[in-house]
Amino acid sequence: MMVLLTYLTLIVTPQRPEIKQPQTWQVAAHQETGGRLLLVKDPILLQVAKNSNFTPKWKETATANEDGYVNHNFFRDGWAYCEYESEQSQTVFLQGQSFHSIFVNGDRFFGDFYSAGLLHLVIPLKKGKNKFLVRV
């Protein structure tokens, strides 16, 4: 059985319709399991809070299909990371579902907390390497 990890798609303005989807994501399982906690201890979120330029070094990866879907069979309440190379500074639409929040180049954007449906976010990309860290 496969569980949908997350769905993230970059959509640009009509001038650049050929944008390529991120294909490989580094992934890490969430440390806390079971129950609901008032105060959650999340070591990855703590590292991000201390250093907005945090780059994880996880060994496990998940691969997206051509539409940007990533399926991973153990993954819920975990993290995914990828880098995206942009040829120019631009503003893009990010479509996603089933993710808690996303950090793009250290800036936090809130996501689809309750898996209520497809979410559209306006995300600024800088020229060169852009970092995406997603809490799913």
N, C-alpha and C. Protein backbone atom coordinates (compact mmCIF):
# COMPACT_ATOMS: atom_id res chain seq x y z
N MET A 1 0.84 -1.18 0.00
CA MET A 1 0.00 0.00 0.00
C MET A 1 0.89 1.24 0.00
N MET A 2 0.57 2.18 -0.84
CA MET A 2 1.33 3.42 -0.92
C MET A 2 0.48 4.56 -0.36
N VAL A 3 1.11 5.45 0.37
CA VAL A 3 0.44 6.60 0.95
C VAL A 3 0.96 7.84 0.23
N LEU A 4 0.06 8.75 -0.09
CA LEU A 4 0.48 9.99 -0.76
C LEU A 4 1.27 10.84 0.22
N LEU A 5 2.51 11.10 -0.11
CA LEU A 5 3.35 11.93 0.75
C LEU A 5 2.96 13.38 0.62
N THR A 6 3.07 13.88 -0.54
CA THR A 6 2.71 15.27 -0.76
C THR A 6 2.61 15.51 -2.25
N TYR A 7 1.98 16.57 -2.59
CA TYR A 7 1.84 16.94 -4.00
C TYR A 7 2.23 18.39 -4.10
N LEU A 8 3.31 18.67 -4.76
CA LEU A 8 3.76 20.04 -4.94
C LEU A 8 4.06 20.27 -6.41
N THR A 9 3.48 21.30 -6.97
CA THR A 9 3.70 21.61 -8.37
C THR A 9 4.00 23.09 -8.50
N LEU A 10 5.03 23.43 -9.24
CA LEU A 10 5.33 24.82 -9.53
C LEU A 10 4.66 25.18 -10.84
N ILE A 11 3.90 26.27 -10.83
CA ILE A 11 3.24 26.75 -12.04
C ILE A 11 3.68 28.19 -12.24
N VAL A 12 4.20 28.50 -13.40
CA VAL A 12 4.66 29.86 -13.66
C VAL A 12 3.71 30.57 -14.60
N THR A 13 3.93 31.86 -14.73
CA THR A 13 3.12 32.67 -15.63
C THR A 13 3.29 32.17 -17.06
N PRO A 14 2.39 32.51 -17.97
CA PRO A 14 2.45 31.98 -19.33
C PRO A 14 3.76 32.22 -20.07
N GLN A 15 4.56 33.19 -19.65
CA GLN A 15 5.83 33.44 -20.34
C GLN A 15 6.81 32.28 -20.16
N ARG A 16 6.65 31.44 -19.13
CA ARG A 16 7.58 30.35 -18.86
C ARG A 16 6.83 29.06 -18.56
N PRO A 17 6.07 28.52 -19.50
CA PRO A 17 5.29 27.32 -19.21
C PRO A 17 6.11 26.05 -19.13
N GLU A 18 7.38 26.09 -19.49
CA GLU A 18 8.17 24.86 -19.56
C GLU A 18 8.91 24.54 -18.25
N ILE A 19 8.50 25.11 -17.13
CA ILE A 19 9.20 24.87 -15.87
C ILE A 19 9.19 23.38 -15.53
N LYS A 20 10.29 22.90 -15.03
CA LYS A 20 10.47 21.49 -14.74
C LYS A 20 10.14 21.21 -13.27
N GLN A 21 9.48 20.09 -13.02
CA GLN A 21 9.11 19.69 -11.66
C GLN A 21 10.32 19.15 -10.91
N PRO A 22 10.43 19.45 -9.59
CA PRO A 22 11.45 18.77 -8.79
C PRO A 22 11.16 17.27 -8.79
N GLN A 23 12.15 16.44 -8.99
CA GLN A 23 11.93 15.00 -9.11
C GLN A 23 12.39 14.19 -7.91
N THR A 24 13.46 14.59 -7.26
CA THR A 24 13.99 13.80 -6.14
C THR A 24 13.93 14.62 -4.86
N TRP A 25 13.34 14.02 -3.84
CA TRP A 25 13.20 14.65 -2.53
C TRP A 25 13.95 13.80 -1.51
N GLN A 26 14.71 14.44 -0.63
CA GLN A 26 15.25 13.74 0.54
C GLN A 26 14.12 13.69 1.55
N VAL A 27 13.98 12.59 2.28
CA VAL A 27 12.87 12.46 3.22
C VAL A 27 13.36 11.99 4.58
N ALA A 28 12.62 12.37 5.62
CA ALA A 28 12.91 11.95 6.99
C ALA A 28 11.60 11.77 7.73
N ALA A 29 11.48 10.69 8.48
CA ALA A 29 10.28 10.43 9.27
C ALA A 29 10.26 11.35 10.49
N HIS A 30 9.06 11.68 10.94
CA HIS A 30 8.89 12.49 12.14
C HIS A 30 9.26 11.64 13.35
N GLN A 31 9.83 12.26 14.37
CA GLN A 31 10.32 11.52 15.53
C GLN A 31 9.23 11.11 16.51
N GLU A 32 8.22 11.95 16.72
CA GLU A 32 7.14 11.64 17.66
C GLU A 32 6.13 10.73 16.98
N THR A 33 5.62 9.75 17.69
CA THR A 33 4.60 8.87 17.12
C THR A 33 3.44 8.73 18.09
N GLY A 34 2.23 8.72 17.55
CA GLY A 34 1.04 8.46 18.34
C GLY A 34 0.61 9.61 19.23
N GLY A 35 -0.70 9.79 19.36
CA GLY A 35 -1.26 10.77 20.27
C GLY A 35 -1.11 12.20 19.81
N ARG A 36 -1.78 13.08 20.55
CA ARG A 36 -1.68 14.51 20.27
C ARG A 36 -1.02 15.17 21.46
N LEU A 37 -0.09 16.03 21.16
CA LEU A 37 0.67 16.71 22.20
C LEU A 37 0.42 18.20 22.13
N LEU A 38 0.33 18.84 23.29
CA LEU A 38 0.18 20.28 23.33
C LEU A 38 1.45 20.96 22.83
N LEU A 39 2.58 20.49 23.31
CA LEU A 39 3.87 21.00 22.87
C LEU A 39 4.61 19.88 22.15
N VAL A 40 4.83 20.07 20.88
CA VAL A 40 5.47 19.05 20.06
C VAL A 40 6.97 19.29 20.01
N LYS A 41 7.73 18.24 20.22
CA LYS A 41 9.19 18.32 20.10
C LYS A 41 9.56 17.84 18.71
N ASP A 42 10.01 18.74 17.89
CA ASP A 42 10.38 18.39 16.52
C ASP A 42 11.82 18.86 16.29
N PRO A 43 12.78 17.95 16.30
CA PRO A 43 14.18 18.38 16.18
C PRO A 43 14.50 19.07 14.85
N ILE A 44 13.80 18.72 13.80
CA ILE A 44 14.06 19.36 12.50
C ILE A 44 13.55 20.80 12.51
N LEU A 45 12.33 21.01 13.04
CA LEU A 45 11.79 22.36 13.14
C LEU A 45 12.67 23.23 14.04
N LEU A 46 13.21 22.64 15.08
CA LEU A 46 14.12 23.37 15.97
C LEU A 46 15.37 23.82 15.21
N GLN A 47 15.92 22.95 14.37
CA GLN A 47 17.09 23.32 13.58
C GLN A 47 16.76 24.45 12.60
N VAL A 48 15.57 24.39 12.00
CA VAL A 48 15.14 25.45 11.07
C VAL A 48 14.99 26.77 11.81
N ALA A 49 14.43 26.72 13.03
CA ALA A 49 14.25 27.94 13.83
C ALA A 49 15.60 28.56 14.19
N LYS A 50 16.59 27.74 14.44
CA LYS A 50 17.92 28.24 14.80
C LYS A 50 18.70 28.75 13.59
N ASN A 51 18.45 28.14 12.42
CA ASN A 51 19.22 28.48 11.22
C ASN A 51 18.30 28.42 10.01
N SER A 52 17.88 29.58 9.51
CA SER A 52 16.95 29.62 8.38
C SER A 52 17.57 29.08 7.10
N ASN A 53 18.89 28.94 7.07
CA ASN A 53 19.59 28.39 5.90
C ASN A 53 19.88 26.90 6.07
N PHE A 54 19.17 26.24 6.99
CA PHE A 54 19.35 24.81 7.28
C PHE A 54 19.19 23.97 6.02
N THR A 55 20.16 23.10 5.78
CA THR A 55 20.10 22.15 4.67
C THR A 55 20.26 20.75 5.24
N PRO A 56 19.21 19.92 5.16
CA PRO A 56 19.31 18.57 5.71
C PRO A 56 20.23 17.68 4.88
N LYS A 57 20.73 16.64 5.50
CA LYS A 57 21.58 15.65 4.83
C LYS A 57 20.98 14.26 5.05
N TRP A 58 19.75 14.07 4.62
CA TRP A 58 19.09 12.79 4.78
C TRP A 58 19.47 11.87 3.63
N LYS A 59 19.60 10.59 3.92
CA LYS A 59 20.02 9.63 2.90
C LYS A 59 18.85 9.06 2.12
N GLU A 60 17.71 8.89 2.77
CA GLU A 60 16.57 8.29 2.08
C GLU A 60 15.95 9.29 1.12
N THR A 61 15.52 8.82 -0.04
CA THR A 61 14.91 9.71 -1.03
C THR A 61 13.59 9.14 -1.52
N ALA A 62 12.79 10.02 -2.07
CA ALA A 62 11.54 9.65 -2.74
C ALA A 62 11.54 10.37 -4.07
N THR A 63 11.00 9.73 -5.09
CA THR A 63 11.01 10.30 -6.43
C THR A 63 9.59 10.67 -6.85
N ALA A 64 9.44 11.86 -7.40
CA ALA A 64 8.14 12.33 -7.89
C ALA A 64 7.89 11.79 -9.29
N ASN A 65 6.61 11.63 -9.61
CA ASN A 65 6.29 11.26 -10.99
C ASN A 65 6.26 12.53 -11.83
N GLU A 66 5.92 12.42 -13.10
CA GLU A 66 5.96 13.57 -14.01
C GLU A 66 5.00 14.68 -13.62
N ASP A 67 3.97 14.37 -12.81
CA ASP A 67 3.01 15.38 -12.37
C ASP A 67 3.38 16.01 -11.04
N GLY A 68 4.48 15.58 -10.43
CA GLY A 68 4.91 16.15 -9.16
C GLY A 68 4.47 15.38 -7.94
N TYR A 69 3.75 14.26 -8.10
CA TYR A 69 3.30 13.46 -6.97
C TYR A 69 4.45 12.63 -6.43
N VAL A 70 4.52 12.56 -5.09
CA VAL A 70 5.50 11.71 -4.43
C VAL A 70 4.74 10.72 -3.57
N ASN A 71 4.94 9.45 -3.80
CA ASN A 71 4.35 8.40 -2.97
C ASN A 71 5.44 7.79 -2.12
N HIS A 72 5.15 7.65 -0.84
CA HIS A 72 6.12 7.04 0.06
C HIS A 72 5.36 6.24 1.09
N ASN A 73 5.71 4.99 1.29
CA ASN A 73 4.86 4.09 2.06
C ASN A 73 4.98 4.20 3.58
N PHE A 74 5.96 4.90 4.14
CA PHE A 74 6.02 5.00 5.60
C PHE A 74 5.74 6.41 6.09
N PHE A 75 5.43 7.30 5.19
CA PHE A 75 5.59 8.70 5.47
C PHE A 75 4.30 9.44 5.81
N ARG A 76 4.20 9.93 7.01
CA ARG A 76 3.18 10.88 7.44
C ARG A 76 3.76 11.60 8.64
N ASP A 77 3.55 12.88 8.74
CA ASP A 77 4.15 13.69 9.80
C ASP A 77 5.66 13.66 9.73
N GLY A 78 6.19 13.73 8.54
CA GLY A 78 7.64 13.75 8.35
C GLY A 78 8.07 14.98 7.58
N TRP A 79 9.21 14.90 6.95
CA TRP A 79 9.80 16.02 6.24
C TRP A 79 10.29 15.58 4.87
N ALA A 80 10.28 16.52 3.93
CA ALA A 80 10.84 16.28 2.60
C ALA A 80 11.62 17.54 2.20
N TYR A 81 12.70 17.34 1.46
CA TYR A 81 13.57 18.45 1.06
C TYR A 81 14.01 18.27 -0.38
N CYS A 82 14.02 19.37 -1.13
CA CYS A 82 14.61 19.33 -2.46
C CYS A 82 15.17 20.71 -2.80
N GLU A 83 16.00 20.74 -3.81
CA GLU A 83 16.54 21.99 -4.32
C GLU A 83 16.06 22.15 -5.76
N TYR A 84 15.79 23.39 -6.12
CA TYR A 84 15.29 23.69 -7.46
C TYR A 84 16.12 24.82 -8.06
N GLU A 85 16.62 24.62 -9.24
CA GLU A 85 17.44 25.62 -9.92
C GLU A 85 16.55 26.47 -10.83
N SER A 86 16.49 27.78 -10.55
CA SER A 86 15.69 28.70 -11.36
C SER A 86 16.62 29.54 -12.23
N GLU A 87 16.29 29.65 -13.50
CA GLU A 87 17.13 30.41 -14.43
C GLU A 87 17.04 31.91 -14.20
N GLN A 88 15.98 32.36 -13.51
CA GLN A 88 15.81 33.79 -13.24
C GLN A 88 15.00 33.98 -11.97
N SER A 89 15.05 35.19 -11.40
CA SER A 89 14.16 35.52 -10.29
C SER A 89 12.75 35.60 -10.83
N GLN A 90 11.82 34.96 -10.15
CA GLN A 90 10.44 34.95 -10.64
C GLN A 90 9.49 34.59 -9.52
N THR A 91 8.24 34.91 -9.71
CA THR A 91 7.19 34.52 -8.79
C THR A 91 6.41 33.40 -9.43
N VAL A 92 6.19 32.32 -8.68
CA VAL A 92 5.50 31.16 -9.21
C VAL A 92 4.33 30.79 -8.29
N PHE A 93 3.41 30.02 -8.81
CA PHE A 93 2.35 29.43 -8.02
C PHE A 93 2.80 28.03 -7.61
N LEU A 94 2.63 27.70 -6.35
CA LEU A 94 2.93 26.37 -5.88
C LEU A 94 1.60 25.72 -5.52
N GLN A 95 1.29 24.62 -6.16
CA GLN A 95 0.09 23.85 -5.84
C GLN A 95 0.50 22.72 -4.92
N GLY A 96 -0.30 22.45 -3.93
CA GLY A 96 0.03 21.33 -3.05
C GLY A 96 -1.17 20.87 -2.25
N GLN A 97 -1.04 19.68 -1.72
CA GLN A 97 -2.04 19.17 -0.80
C GLN A 97 -1.36 18.22 0.17
N SER A 98 -1.97 18.07 1.33
CA SER A 98 -1.48 17.16 2.36
C SER A 98 -0.10 17.53 2.88
N PHE A 99 0.18 18.82 3.02
CA PHE A 99 1.41 19.22 3.69
C PHE A 99 1.09 20.28 4.73
N HIS A 100 1.84 20.26 5.82
CA HIS A 100 1.60 21.13 6.97
C HIS A 100 2.12 22.54 6.72
N SER A 101 3.36 22.63 6.31
CA SER A 101 3.96 23.93 5.99
C SER A 101 5.15 23.70 5.08
N ILE A 102 5.61 24.78 4.48
CA ILE A 102 6.75 24.69 3.57
C ILE A 102 7.66 25.88 3.82
N PHE A 103 8.95 25.62 3.82
CA PHE A 103 9.96 26.67 3.91
C PHE A 103 10.62 26.77 2.54
N VAL A 104 10.59 27.96 1.95
CA VAL A 104 11.25 28.20 0.67
C VAL A 104 12.34 29.23 0.93
N ASN A 105 13.57 28.81 0.77
CA ASN A 105 14.73 29.67 1.03
C ASN A 105 14.67 30.28 2.43
N GLY A 106 14.19 29.51 3.40
CA GLY A 106 14.14 29.95 4.79
C GLY A 106 12.87 30.68 5.18
N ASP A 107 12.02 31.06 4.23
CA ASP A 107 10.76 31.74 4.54
C ASP A 107 9.65 30.70 4.67
N ARG A 108 8.84 30.83 5.73
CA ARG A 108 7.79 29.85 6.00
C ARG A 108 6.48 30.25 5.35
N PHE A 109 5.85 29.26 4.71
CA PHE A 109 4.51 29.39 4.14
C PHE A 109 3.67 28.27 4.73
N PHE A 110 2.46 28.60 5.16
CA PHE A 110 1.61 27.57 5.75
C PHE A 110 0.87 26.81 4.67
N GLY A 111 0.57 25.57 4.96
CA GLY A 111 0.00 24.68 3.96
C GLY A 111 -1.40 24.21 4.29
N ASP A 112 -1.67 23.00 3.88
CA ASP A 112 -2.97 22.35 3.96
C ASP A 112 -3.01 21.49 5.23
N PHE A 113 -3.20 22.14 6.40
CA PHE A 113 -3.11 21.46 7.70
C PHE A 113 -4.00 20.22 7.80
N TYR A 114 -5.23 20.33 7.33
CA TYR A 114 -6.20 19.27 7.54
C TYR A 114 -6.46 18.45 6.29
N SER A 115 -5.57 18.52 5.31
CA SER A 115 -5.74 17.80 4.04
C SER A 115 -7.11 18.08 3.44
N ALA A 116 -7.49 19.35 3.45
CA ALA A 116 -8.83 19.75 3.00
C ALA A 116 -8.94 19.85 1.48
N GLY A 117 -7.83 19.90 0.80
CA GLY A 117 -7.90 20.01 -0.65
C GLY A 117 -6.67 20.67 -1.22
N LEU A 118 -6.75 21.04 -2.45
CA LEU A 118 -5.62 21.62 -3.16
C LEU A 118 -5.41 23.07 -2.71
N LEU A 119 -4.17 23.42 -2.45
CA LEU A 119 -3.82 24.75 -1.97
C LEU A 119 -2.92 25.42 -3.01
N HIS A 120 -3.11 26.71 -3.21
CA HIS A 120 -2.30 27.48 -4.16
C HIS A 120 -1.58 28.58 -3.39
N LEU A 121 -0.26 28.60 -3.47
CA LEU A 121 0.55 29.62 -2.81
C LEU A 121 1.37 30.38 -3.84
N VAL A 122 1.55 31.68 -3.62
CA VAL A 122 2.43 32.48 -4.46
C VAL A 122 3.80 32.47 -3.78
N ILE A 123 4.79 31.97 -4.51
CA ILE A 123 6.13 31.77 -3.95
C ILE A 123 7.16 32.53 -4.79
N PRO A 124 7.98 33.38 -4.14
CA PRO A 124 9.06 34.03 -4.89
C PRO A 124 10.26 33.09 -4.99
N LEU A 125 10.81 32.95 -6.19
CA LEU A 125 12.04 32.19 -6.40
C LEU A 125 13.15 33.16 -6.76
N LYS A 126 14.33 32.89 -6.27
CA LYS A 126 15.48 33.69 -6.66
C LYS A 126 16.21 33.00 -7.81
N LYS A 127 17.03 33.73 -8.50
CA LYS A 127 17.84 33.13 -9.56
C LYS A 127 18.85 32.19 -8.91
N GLY A 128 18.99 31.00 -9.47
CA GLY A 128 19.91 30.02 -8.92
C GLY A 128 19.20 28.99 -8.06
N LYS A 129 19.90 28.49 -7.05
CA LYS A 129 19.39 27.41 -6.22
C LYS A 129 18.34 27.91 -5.23
N ASN A 130 17.20 27.22 -5.18
CA ASN A 130 16.13 27.50 -4.24
C ASN A 130 15.90 26.24 -3.41
N LYS A 131 15.75 26.41 -2.10
CA LYS A 131 15.59 25.28 -1.18
C LYS A 131 14.14 25.16 -0.74
N PHE A 132 13.59 23.95 -0.84
CA PHE A 132 12.24 23.64 -0.40
C PHE A 132 12.31 22.61 0.71
N LEU A 133 11.83 22.98 1.90
CA LEU A 133 11.75 22.06 3.03
C LEU A 133 10.28 21.98 3.42
N VAL A 134 9.71 20.78 3.34
CA VAL A 134 8.27 20.60 3.50
C VAL A 134 7.98 19.71 4.69
N ARG A 135 7.09 20.16 5.58
CA ARG A 135 6.59 19.33 6.68
C ARG A 135 5.28 18.73 6.20
N VAL A 136 5.24 17.41 6.12
CA VAL A 136 4.03 16.74 5.61
C VAL A 136 3.30 16.02 6.71
